[in-house]
Each structure stands twice: as structure tokens, then as C-alpha cells.
């Protein structure tokens, strides 16, 4: 593994871990009041579209950039959970009133 590949792995591990504290806090507290719909939808959409771009390019070239796959796979799961949580917990809070 060369230095650039190591930097790629480290950077993408940090980026993929970055979503986990927010997912964990949301899972525990069910508090989604501070989440902005525009942010969540743009973030999750951007992550998903970028993953498609990376996957298509990697498949076409046959050169797989696994650090990027890890980052985007974790972020897709995390951001889509946060979108789900925003929809589910916001509706539940409204129903409880």
C-alpha cells in the first residue's frame, strides 16, 4: 500500500465514521427536530448519486477504489436512516399530540 492509498483509506474511514454519531444519537433519542429536510434530502441524494458515479467508473475501468466504496456505502445507509427517522419520528410526534 503506497502513501496515497493509505491517505485515501484514512480519509474515507474518517468520513464514513462521521455519520455514525448522528445516527446513534437519533436512534437513542428519536429527536429529529434539528434536521432540515432540504439538507437531508440533498445530502442523501448527493451521496447516492456520487456512489453511482464512482461505481460505474470503477466497473468500467476495472479499478475498484474500495475506500470510496466503504465511505459511500456507510454514508448511504446512515443518511437514508436519518431521512427515514425524520419522516417517522416527526409524524409520530405529530400523532402523539
Protein backbone atom coordinates (compact mmCIF):
# COMPACT_ATOMS: atom_id res chain seq x y z
CA UNK A 1 0.00 0.00 0.00
CA UNK A 2 1.51 3.33 -1.00
CA UNK A 3 1.10 6.65 0.84
CA UNK A 4 -1.71 7.94 -1.41
CA UNK A 5 -3.72 4.76 -0.96
CA UNK A 6 -3.19 4.94 2.80
CA UNK A 7 -4.38 8.55 2.82
CA UNK A 8 -7.43 7.51 0.78
CA UNK A 9 -8.28 4.78 3.26
CA UNK A 10 -7.77 7.02 6.29
CA UNK A 11 -9.79 9.88 4.82
CA UNK A 12 -12.67 7.69 3.78
CA UNK A 13 -12.74 5.84 7.09
CA UNK A 14 -12.98 9.19 8.91
CA UNK A 15 -15.74 10.34 6.54
CA UNK A 16 -17.71 7.12 6.92
CA UNK A 17 -17.36 7.14 10.71
CA UNK A 18 -18.53 10.77 10.78
CA UNK A 19 -22.17 9.88 10.18
CA UNK A 20 -22.28 7.22 12.91
CA UNK A 21 -22.54 9.55 15.97
CA UNK A 22 -25.54 11.34 14.44
CA UNK A 23 -27.24 8.06 13.56
CA UNK A 24 -26.59 6.71 17.07
CA UNK A 25 -27.91 9.84 18.78
CA UNK A 26 -31.01 9.85 16.58
CA UNK A 27 -31.58 6.14 17.25
CA UNK A 28 -31.34 6.69 21.01
CA UNK A 29 -33.26 9.96 21.40
CA UNK A 30 -35.62 9.94 18.40
CA UNK A 31 -35.00 13.69 18.29
CA UNK A 32 -35.04 14.89 14.69
CA UNK A 33 -36.24 18.41 15.32
CA UNK A 34 -32.94 19.99 14.28
CA UNK A 35 -32.77 18.16 10.95
CA UNK A 36 -33.56 20.31 7.97
CA UNK A 37 -35.41 18.47 5.18
CA UNK A 38 -33.52 20.29 2.43
CA UNK A 39 -30.17 19.33 3.94
CA UNK A 40 -31.13 15.69 4.50
CA UNK A 41 -32.54 15.21 1.01
CA UNK A 42 -29.67 16.98 -0.75
CA UNK A 43 -27.06 15.15 1.33
CA UNK A 44 -28.57 11.69 0.85
CA UNK A 45 -29.24 12.35 -2.85
CA UNK A 46 -25.71 13.64 -3.39
CA UNK A 47 -24.16 10.69 -1.60
CA UNK A 48 -26.26 8.22 -3.61
CA UNK A 49 -25.57 9.87 -6.99
CA UNK A 50 -21.85 10.15 -6.27
CA UNK A 51 -21.77 6.47 -5.33
CA UNK A 52 -23.39 5.56 -8.65
CA UNK A 53 -20.79 7.68 -10.47
CA UNK A 54 -17.90 6.04 -8.60
CA UNK A 55 -19.32 2.52 -9.01
CA UNK A 56 -19.93 2.97 -12.76
CA UNK A 57 -16.45 4.38 -13.28
CA UNK A 58 -14.84 1.62 -11.24
CA UNK A 59 -16.76 -1.11 -13.05
CA UNK A 60 -15.91 0.41 -16.43
CA UNK A 61 -12.20 0.73 -15.64
CA UNK A 62 -11.93 -2.46 -13.61
CA UNK A 63 -10.02 -0.48 -10.97
CA UNK A 64 -12.03 -0.54 -7.75
CA UNK A 65 -11.43 2.21 -5.21
CA UNK A 66 -12.51 0.33 -2.10
CA UNK A 67 -12.01 3.24 0.32
CA UNK A 68 -14.61 5.23 -1.63
CA UNK A 69 -16.98 2.27 -1.72
CA UNK A 70 -16.71 1.94 2.08
CA UNK A 71 -17.31 5.64 2.64
CA UNK A 72 -20.30 5.89 0.34
CA UNK A 73 -21.88 2.61 1.44
CA UNK A 74 -21.78 3.65 5.11
CA UNK A 75 -22.99 7.17 4.28
CA UNK A 76 -25.86 5.88 2.12
CA UNK A 77 -27.06 3.67 4.96
CA UNK A 78 -26.60 6.45 7.53
CA UNK A 79 -28.21 9.25 5.57
CA UNK A 80 -31.12 7.14 4.40
CA UNK A 81 -31.74 6.12 8.02
CA UNK A 82 -31.73 9.80 9.03
CA UNK A 83 -34.26 10.62 6.28
CA UNK A 84 -36.42 7.72 7.45
CA UNK A 85 -36.07 8.84 11.09
CA UNK A 86 -37.01 12.42 10.19
CA UNK A 87 -40.16 11.21 8.43
CA UNK A 88 -41.11 8.57 11.01
CA UNK A 89 -40.31 10.42 14.25
CA UNK A 90 -41.73 13.73 13.01
CA UNK A 91 -45.01 12.02 12.08
CA UNK A 92 -45.07 10.09 15.36
CA UNK A 93 -44.57 13.30 17.35
CA UNK A 94 -47.43 14.94 15.44
CA UNK A 95 -49.67 11.90 16.06
CA UNK A 96 -48.91 11.96 19.79
CA UNK A 97 -50.25 15.49 20.20
